[in-house]
Amino acid sequence: MDHFMRQLPGWRRPAAHGLGLITPSGTEFPVVNAGEHYLPAAVLSTVCEHRVGTRTYPVTVDQLDEAIGLLAPAEACPHYDHPDLAAWRHLRHRLPDTVDYDAPASLVAVFVDRLDDPPADAHDARFRHLLARRVG
């Protein structure tokens, strides 16, 4: 975790975060994190160049592959579950391989700085809806 924080000057842990797949029926978030799983948040922040604030970012296949590669060493610690890594791998298998790895991959990263911030967009609104159902 410290390694990523050094690479992200000014980074602040988000109150909530997640990675979603944009589908015709809406955005799916296999994992909704709030107040937990900060290493995946730091990894996702690294590939999206996010520092602080409530924002969403489109994520490419290349960025997802990079995030999976950065988080994979965490599996060496069997004392913790790694739901984000499992979800990211599942999402990756649902995406086609593309020749242009910088092309949009229908993925979106959501970072919520404070839970009382207004949603950044429709993806964030969906994420908040799932978050409210999880804690409610």
N, C-alpha and C. Protein backbone atom coordinates (compact mmCIF):
# COMPACT_ATOMS: atom_id res chain seq x y z
N MET A 1 0.84 -1.19 0.00
CA MET A 1 0.00 0.00 0.00
C MET A 1 0.88 1.25 0.00
N ASP A 2 1.92 1.24 0.83
CA ASP A 2 2.81 2.41 0.90
C ASP A 2 3.44 2.71 -0.45
N HIS A 3 3.77 1.65 -1.20
CA HIS A 3 4.37 1.82 -2.52
C HIS A 3 3.45 2.65 -3.43
N PHE A 4 2.17 2.33 -3.43
CA PHE A 4 1.23 3.06 -4.28
C PHE A 4 1.02 4.48 -3.78
N MET A 5 0.98 4.65 -2.48
CA MET A 5 0.76 5.99 -1.93
C MET A 5 1.92 6.92 -2.28
N ARG A 6 3.15 6.38 -2.33
CA ARG A 6 4.30 7.20 -2.74
C ARG A 6 4.18 7.62 -4.20
N GLN A 7 3.56 6.78 -5.02
CA GLN A 7 3.39 7.10 -6.44
C GLN A 7 2.21 8.02 -6.70
N LEU A 8 1.41 8.25 -5.66
CA LEU A 8 0.20 9.06 -5.81
C LEU A 8 0.24 10.24 -4.84
N PRO A 9 1.15 11.19 -5.04
CA PRO A 9 1.19 12.32 -4.11
C PRO A 9 -0.15 13.04 -4.06
N GLY A 10 -0.61 13.30 -2.86
CA GLY A 10 -1.88 13.98 -2.68
C GLY A 10 -3.08 13.04 -2.68
N TRP A 11 -2.84 11.74 -2.83
CA TRP A 11 -3.94 10.78 -2.87
C TRP A 11 -4.60 10.65 -1.50
N ARG A 12 -5.92 10.57 -1.52
CA ARG A 12 -6.68 10.37 -0.29
C ARG A 12 -7.57 9.15 -0.50
N ARG A 13 -7.65 8.32 0.53
CA ARG A 13 -8.51 7.14 0.45
C ARG A 13 -9.95 7.57 0.18
N PRO A 14 -10.58 6.97 -0.81
CA PRO A 14 -11.98 7.32 -1.07
C PRO A 14 -12.89 6.69 -0.03
N ALA A 15 -14.03 7.29 0.19
CA ALA A 15 -15.02 6.70 1.09
C ALA A 15 -15.62 5.45 0.47
N ALA A 16 -15.70 5.44 -0.87
CA ALA A 16 -16.22 4.29 -1.59
C ALA A 16 -15.60 4.26 -2.98
N HIS A 17 -15.53 3.06 -3.54
CA HIS A 17 -14.95 2.92 -4.88
C HIS A 17 -15.38 1.60 -5.50
N GLY A 18 -15.30 1.56 -6.83
CA GLY A 18 -15.64 0.34 -7.53
C GLY A 18 -15.32 0.44 -9.01
N LEU A 19 -15.34 -0.71 -9.66
CA LEU A 19 -15.13 -0.78 -11.10
C LEU A 19 -16.35 -1.43 -11.72
N GLY A 20 -16.94 -0.76 -12.69
CA GLY A 20 -18.18 -1.25 -13.29
C GLY A 20 -18.05 -1.56 -14.76
N LEU A 21 -18.92 -2.46 -15.21
CA LEU A 21 -19.04 -2.81 -16.61
C LEU A 21 -20.28 -2.13 -17.16
N ILE A 22 -20.11 -1.35 -18.21
CA ILE A 22 -21.23 -0.64 -18.82
C ILE A 22 -21.90 -1.58 -19.82
N THR A 23 -23.17 -1.85 -19.60
CA THR A 23 -23.93 -2.75 -20.46
C THR A 23 -25.15 -2.00 -21.00
N PRO A 24 -25.82 -2.55 -22.00
CA PRO A 24 -27.03 -1.88 -22.51
C PRO A 24 -28.11 -1.67 -21.44
N SER A 25 -28.13 -2.54 -20.43
CA SER A 25 -29.16 -2.41 -19.39
C SER A 25 -28.70 -1.57 -18.20
N GLY A 26 -27.49 -1.05 -18.22
CA GLY A 26 -26.99 -0.23 -17.13
C GLY A 26 -25.59 -0.66 -16.73
N THR A 27 -25.07 -0.02 -15.72
CA THR A 27 -23.71 -0.31 -15.26
C THR A 27 -23.77 -1.34 -14.14
N GLU A 28 -23.00 -2.40 -14.29
CA GLU A 28 -22.93 -3.47 -13.30
C GLU A 28 -21.66 -3.29 -12.46
N PHE A 29 -21.81 -3.37 -11.16
CA PHE A 29 -20.67 -3.29 -10.25
C PHE A 29 -20.60 -4.60 -9.46
N PRO A 30 -19.68 -5.49 -9.80
CA PRO A 30 -19.61 -6.76 -9.09
C PRO A 30 -19.18 -6.62 -7.63
N VAL A 31 -18.41 -5.57 -7.34
CA VAL A 31 -17.97 -5.30 -5.96
C VAL A 31 -18.20 -3.82 -5.69
N VAL A 32 -18.83 -3.53 -4.56
CA VAL A 32 -19.06 -2.16 -4.11
C VAL A 32 -18.32 -2.01 -2.79
N ASN A 33 -17.27 -1.20 -2.80
CA ASN A 33 -16.43 -1.02 -1.61
C ASN A 33 -16.77 0.29 -0.91
N ALA A 34 -16.93 0.23 0.39
CA ALA A 34 -17.12 1.44 1.20
C ALA A 34 -16.35 1.25 2.50
N GLY A 35 -15.36 2.12 2.72
CA GLY A 35 -14.59 2.05 3.95
C GLY A 35 -13.73 0.81 4.07
N GLU A 36 -13.36 0.22 2.94
CA GLU A 36 -12.58 -1.02 2.97
C GLU A 36 -11.86 -1.21 1.63
N HIS A 37 -10.98 -2.18 1.59
CA HIS A 37 -10.25 -2.57 0.38
C HIS A 37 -9.56 -1.37 -0.27
N TYR A 38 -8.68 -0.75 0.51
CA TYR A 38 -7.99 0.43 0.02
C TYR A 38 -6.84 0.12 -0.94
N LEU A 39 -6.28 -1.08 -0.88
CA LEU A 39 -5.23 -1.42 -1.84
C LEU A 39 -5.80 -1.44 -3.26
N PRO A 40 -6.93 -2.10 -3.51
CA PRO A 40 -7.50 -2.00 -4.86
C PRO A 40 -7.85 -0.55 -5.25
N ALA A 41 -8.27 0.25 -4.29
CA ALA A 41 -8.55 1.66 -4.58
C ALA A 41 -7.28 2.37 -5.04
N ALA A 42 -6.16 2.09 -4.37
CA ALA A 42 -4.89 2.71 -4.75
C ALA A 42 -4.43 2.23 -6.12
N VAL A 43 -4.61 0.95 -6.39
CA VAL A 43 -4.23 0.40 -7.70
C VAL A 43 -5.08 1.04 -8.80
N LEU A 44 -6.38 1.08 -8.60
CA LEU A 44 -7.27 1.67 -9.60
C LEU A 44 -6.96 3.17 -9.76
N SER A 45 -6.67 3.84 -8.66
CA SER A 45 -6.28 5.25 -8.73
C SER A 45 -4.99 5.43 -9.55
N THR A 46 -4.07 4.50 -9.41
CA THR A 46 -2.81 4.57 -10.14
C THR A 46 -3.06 4.50 -11.64
N VAL A 47 -3.87 3.53 -12.09
CA VAL A 47 -4.07 3.39 -13.53
C VAL A 47 -4.96 4.48 -14.10
N CYS A 48 -5.82 5.08 -13.27
CA CYS A 48 -6.70 6.16 -13.73
C CYS A 48 -6.12 7.54 -13.48
N GLU A 49 -5.01 7.60 -12.74
CA GLU A 49 -4.38 8.85 -12.34
C GLU A 49 -5.33 9.71 -11.48
N HIS A 50 -6.07 9.04 -10.63
CA HIS A 50 -6.99 9.73 -9.71
C HIS A 50 -6.26 10.05 -8.42
N ARG A 51 -6.54 11.21 -7.87
CA ARG A 51 -5.92 11.59 -6.60
C ARG A 51 -6.96 11.77 -5.50
N VAL A 52 -7.91 12.65 -5.75
CA VAL A 52 -8.88 12.97 -4.71
C VAL A 52 -10.15 13.49 -5.39
N GLY A 53 -11.26 13.34 -4.70
CA GLY A 53 -12.51 13.88 -5.22
C GLY A 53 -13.46 12.77 -5.66
N THR A 54 -14.68 13.17 -5.93
CA THR A 54 -15.70 12.26 -6.42
C THR A 54 -15.71 12.38 -7.94
N ARG A 55 -15.30 11.28 -8.61
CA ARG A 55 -15.15 11.29 -10.06
C ARG A 55 -15.34 9.89 -10.61
N THR A 56 -15.62 9.85 -11.90
CA THR A 56 -15.62 8.59 -12.63
C THR A 56 -14.63 8.70 -13.77
N TYR A 57 -14.11 7.55 -14.19
CA TYR A 57 -13.12 7.51 -15.26
C TYR A 57 -13.43 6.34 -16.19
N PRO A 58 -13.37 6.55 -17.50
CA PRO A 58 -13.44 5.39 -18.38
C PRO A 58 -12.15 4.58 -18.21
N VAL A 59 -12.28 3.28 -18.29
CA VAL A 59 -11.13 2.38 -18.10
C VAL A 59 -11.00 1.53 -19.36
N THR A 60 -9.79 1.48 -19.92
CA THR A 60 -9.53 0.69 -21.11
C THR A 60 -9.15 -0.74 -20.72
N VAL A 61 -9.14 -1.64 -21.71
CA VAL A 61 -8.69 -3.01 -21.48
C VAL A 61 -7.25 -3.00 -20.97
N ASP A 62 -6.43 -2.15 -21.57
CA ASP A 62 -5.03 -2.06 -21.15
C ASP A 62 -4.92 -1.64 -19.69
N GLN A 63 -5.72 -0.67 -19.29
CA GLN A 63 -5.70 -0.22 -17.89
C GLN A 63 -6.18 -1.33 -16.96
N LEU A 64 -7.21 -2.07 -17.36
CA LEU A 64 -7.69 -3.18 -16.54
C LEU A 64 -6.61 -4.24 -16.40
N ASP A 65 -5.94 -4.58 -17.51
CA ASP A 65 -4.85 -5.55 -17.45
C ASP A 65 -3.74 -5.07 -16.51
N GLU A 66 -3.44 -3.78 -16.58
CA GLU A 66 -2.41 -3.22 -15.70
C GLU A 66 -2.84 -3.31 -14.24
N ALA A 67 -4.09 -2.97 -13.96
CA ALA A 67 -4.60 -3.03 -12.59
C ALA A 67 -4.55 -4.45 -12.05
N ILE A 68 -4.94 -5.42 -12.85
CA ILE A 68 -4.89 -6.82 -12.42
C ILE A 68 -3.45 -7.22 -12.11
N GLY A 69 -2.53 -6.82 -12.98
CA GLY A 69 -1.12 -7.14 -12.76
C GLY A 69 -0.55 -6.50 -11.50
N LEU A 70 -0.98 -5.27 -11.22
CA LEU A 70 -0.49 -4.58 -10.01
C LEU A 70 -1.07 -5.17 -8.74
N LEU A 71 -2.31 -5.64 -8.79
CA LEU A 71 -2.96 -6.16 -7.59
C LEU A 71 -2.67 -7.64 -7.36
N ALA A 72 -2.32 -8.37 -8.40
CA ALA A 72 -2.12 -9.82 -8.30
C ALA A 72 -1.14 -10.25 -7.19
N PRO A 73 -0.04 -9.54 -6.95
CA PRO A 73 0.87 -9.98 -5.88
C PRO A 73 0.20 -10.04 -4.50
N ALA A 74 -0.91 -9.35 -4.31
CA ALA A 74 -1.61 -9.39 -3.01
C ALA A 74 -2.12 -10.79 -2.69
N GLU A 75 -2.29 -11.62 -3.71
CA GLU A 75 -2.74 -13.00 -3.48
C GLU A 75 -1.76 -13.81 -2.66
N ALA A 76 -0.53 -13.36 -2.57
CA ALA A 76 0.46 -14.07 -1.77
C ALA A 76 0.08 -14.09 -0.29
N CYS A 77 -0.80 -13.19 0.12
CA CYS A 77 -1.28 -13.14 1.49
C CYS A 77 -2.63 -13.85 1.56
N PRO A 78 -2.64 -15.11 2.01
CA PRO A 78 -3.89 -15.87 2.02
C PRO A 78 -4.83 -15.50 3.17
N HIS A 79 -4.41 -14.62 4.04
CA HIS A 79 -5.22 -14.25 5.21
C HIS A 79 -6.32 -13.26 4.86
N TYR A 80 -6.31 -12.75 3.64
CA TYR A 80 -7.30 -11.77 3.21
C TYR A 80 -8.00 -12.27 1.95
N ASP A 81 -9.26 -11.96 1.85
CA ASP A 81 -9.97 -12.20 0.60
C ASP A 81 -9.58 -11.09 -0.38
N HIS A 82 -9.70 -11.39 -1.64
CA HIS A 82 -9.37 -10.41 -2.67
C HIS A 82 -10.53 -10.29 -3.65
N PRO A 83 -11.68 -9.79 -3.16
CA PRO A 83 -12.87 -9.76 -4.02
C PRO A 83 -12.71 -8.85 -5.23
N ASP A 84 -11.98 -7.77 -5.10
CA ASP A 84 -11.80 -6.87 -6.23
C ASP A 84 -10.99 -7.56 -7.33
N LEU A 85 -9.92 -8.23 -6.97
CA LEU A 85 -9.10 -8.91 -7.96
C LEU A 85 -9.92 -9.98 -8.69
N ALA A 86 -10.69 -10.75 -7.94
CA ALA A 86 -11.54 -11.77 -8.57
C ALA A 86 -12.55 -11.12 -9.51
N ALA A 87 -13.15 -10.02 -9.08
CA ALA A 87 -14.14 -9.32 -9.91
C ALA A 87 -13.49 -8.74 -11.15
N TRP A 88 -12.31 -8.15 -11.01
CA TRP A 88 -11.63 -7.57 -12.16
C TRP A 88 -11.28 -8.64 -13.18
N ARG A 89 -10.85 -9.81 -12.71
CA ARG A 89 -10.55 -10.90 -13.64
C ARG A 89 -11.81 -11.38 -14.34
N HIS A 90 -12.90 -11.45 -13.61
CA HIS A 90 -14.17 -11.85 -14.21
C HIS A 90 -14.60 -10.83 -15.27
N LEU A 91 -14.47 -9.56 -14.96
CA LEU A 91 -14.81 -8.53 -15.93
C LEU A 91 -13.92 -8.65 -17.18
N ARG A 92 -12.66 -8.92 -16.95
CA ARG A 92 -11.71 -9.03 -18.07
C ARG A 92 -12.12 -10.15 -19.01
N HIS A 93 -12.58 -11.26 -18.46
CA HIS A 93 -13.01 -12.38 -19.29
C HIS A 93 -14.29 -12.08 -20.07
N ARG A 94 -15.06 -11.12 -19.59
CA ARG A 94 -16.28 -10.72 -20.30
C ARG A 94 -16.02 -9.75 -21.43
N LEU A 95 -14.82 -9.20 -21.49
CA LEU A 95 -14.48 -8.22 -22.52
C LEU A 95 -13.74 -8.88 -23.66
N PRO A 96 -14.01 -8.45 -24.88
CA PRO A 96 -13.25 -9.01 -26.01
C PRO A 96 -11.83 -8.44 -26.00
N ASP A 97 -10.92 -9.25 -26.48
CA ASP A 97 -9.58 -8.72 -26.73
C ASP A 97 -9.68 -7.80 -27.93
N THR A 98 -8.96 -6.71 -27.87
CA THR A 98 -8.98 -5.77 -28.98
C THR A 98 -7.56 -5.56 -29.48
N VAL A 99 -7.45 -5.19 -30.73
CA VAL A 99 -6.14 -4.88 -31.29
C VAL A 99 -5.64 -3.58 -30.69
N ASP A 100 -6.54 -2.62 -30.55
CA ASP A 100 -6.19 -1.31 -29.99
C ASP A 100 -6.48 -1.32 -28.50
N TYR A 101 -5.45 -1.57 -27.70
CA TYR A 101 -5.64 -1.67 -26.26
C TYR A 101 -5.94 -0.34 -25.59
N ASP A 102 -5.87 0.75 -26.33
CA ASP A 102 -6.24 2.04 -25.76
C ASP A 102 -7.69 2.40 -26.06
N ALA A 103 -8.39 1.53 -26.77
CA ALA A 103 -9.81 1.78 -27.07
C ALA A 103 -10.65 1.65 -25.82
N PRO A 104 -11.71 2.43 -25.69
CA PRO A 104 -12.59 2.29 -24.52
C PRO A 104 -13.10 0.86 -24.41
N ALA A 105 -13.19 0.38 -23.20
CA ALA A 105 -13.56 -1.01 -22.97
C ALA A 105 -14.90 -1.16 -22.29
N SER A 106 -15.69 -0.12 -22.26
CA SER A 106 -16.99 -0.15 -21.60
C SER A 106 -16.87 -0.43 -20.11
N LEU A 107 -15.81 0.06 -19.52
CA LEU A 107 -15.61 -0.03 -18.08
C LEU A 107 -15.54 1.37 -17.51
N VAL A 108 -15.94 1.49 -16.24
CA VAL A 108 -15.88 2.78 -15.57
C VAL A 108 -15.43 2.57 -14.12
N ALA A 109 -14.48 3.39 -13.70
CA ALA A 109 -14.04 3.40 -12.31
C ALA A 109 -14.79 4.53 -11.60
N VAL A 110 -15.26 4.24 -10.39
CA VAL A 110 -15.98 5.23 -9.59
C VAL A 110 -15.22 5.43 -8.28
N PHE A 111 -14.97 6.69 -7.96
CA PHE A 111 -14.36 7.07 -6.69
C PHE A 111 -15.28 8.08 -6.02
N VAL A 112 -15.66 7.81 -4.79
CA VAL A 112 -16.52 8.72 -4.03
C VAL A 112 -15.68 9.23 -2.87
N ASP A 113 -15.43 10.53 -2.87
CA ASP A 113 -14.61 11.13 -1.82
C ASP A 113 -15.35 11.14 -0.49
N ARG A 114 -16.57 11.67 -0.50
CA ARG A 114 -17.41 11.69 0.70
C ARG A 114 -18.77 11.15 0.31
N LEU A 115 -19.36 10.36 1.16
CA LEU A 115 -20.63 9.72 0.83
C LEU A 115 -21.76 10.72 0.62
N ASP A 116 -21.62 11.94 1.16
CA ASP A 116 -22.66 12.94 0.95
C ASP A 116 -22.40 13.82 -0.28
N ASP A 117 -21.32 13.54 -1.03
CA ASP A 117 -21.10 14.24 -2.30
C ASP A 117 -22.20 13.86 -3.28
N PRO A 118 -22.61 14.79 -4.14
CA PRO A 118 -23.58 14.41 -5.19
C PRO A 118 -22.91 13.45 -6.18
N PRO A 119 -23.69 12.54 -6.78
CA PRO A 119 -23.10 11.63 -7.77
C PRO A 119 -22.48 12.41 -8.94
N ALA A 120 -21.36 11.91 -9.42
CA ALA A 120 -20.65 12.57 -10.52
C ALA A 120 -21.37 12.39 -11.84
N ASP A 121 -22.07 11.27 -12.02
CA ASP A 121 -22.78 11.00 -13.26
C ASP A 121 -23.71 9.80 -13.04
N ALA A 122 -24.28 9.28 -14.12
CA ALA A 122 -25.22 8.16 -14.00
C ALA A 122 -24.55 6.89 -13.49
N HIS A 123 -23.29 6.67 -13.84
CA HIS A 123 -22.58 5.49 -13.34
C HIS A 123 -22.40 5.58 -11.82
N ASP A 124 -22.02 6.75 -11.36
CA ASP A 124 -21.88 6.97 -9.92
C ASP A 124 -23.23 6.84 -9.23
N ALA A 125 -24.28 7.33 -9.83
CA ALA A 125 -25.63 7.21 -9.23
C ALA A 125 -26.00 5.74 -9.07
N ARG A 126 -25.72 4.92 -10.07
CA ARG A 126 -25.99 3.48 -9.98
C ARG A 126 -25.14 2.85 -8.86
N PHE A 127 -23.88 3.24 -8.81
CA PHE A 127 -22.97 2.75 -7.76
C PHE A 127 -23.53 3.10 -6.38
N ARG A 128 -23.99 4.34 -6.20
CA ARG A 128 -24.53 4.76 -4.90
C ARG A 128 -25.79 3.98 -4.56
N HIS A 129 -26.62 3.70 -5.57
CA HIS A 129 -27.83 2.90 -5.33
C HIS A 129 -27.44 1.53 -4.79
N LEU A 130 -26.45 0.90 -5.40
CA LEU A 130 -26.00 -0.41 -4.92
C LEU A 130 -25.35 -0.32 -3.55
N LEU A 131 -24.63 0.75 -3.33
CA LEU A 131 -24.01 0.97 -2.02
C LEU A 131 -25.07 1.12 -0.94
N ALA A 132 -26.11 1.89 -1.21
CA ALA A 132 -27.20 2.08 -0.23
C ALA A 132 -27.90 0.76 0.07
N ARG A 133 -28.08 -0.07 -0.93
CA ARG A 133 -28.71 -1.38 -0.71
C ARG A 133 -27.83 -2.28 0.12
N ARG A 134 -26.51 -2.15 -0.06
CA ARG A 134 -25.57 -2.98 0.70
C ARG A 134 -25.54 -2.62 2.18
N VAL A 135 -25.56 -1.34 2.48
CA VAL A 135 -25.45 -0.91 3.88
C VAL A 135 -26.82 -0.70 4.52
N GLY A 136 -27.88 -0.67 3.70
CA GLY A 136 -29.21 -0.40 4.21
C GLY A 136 -29.96 -1.60 4.66
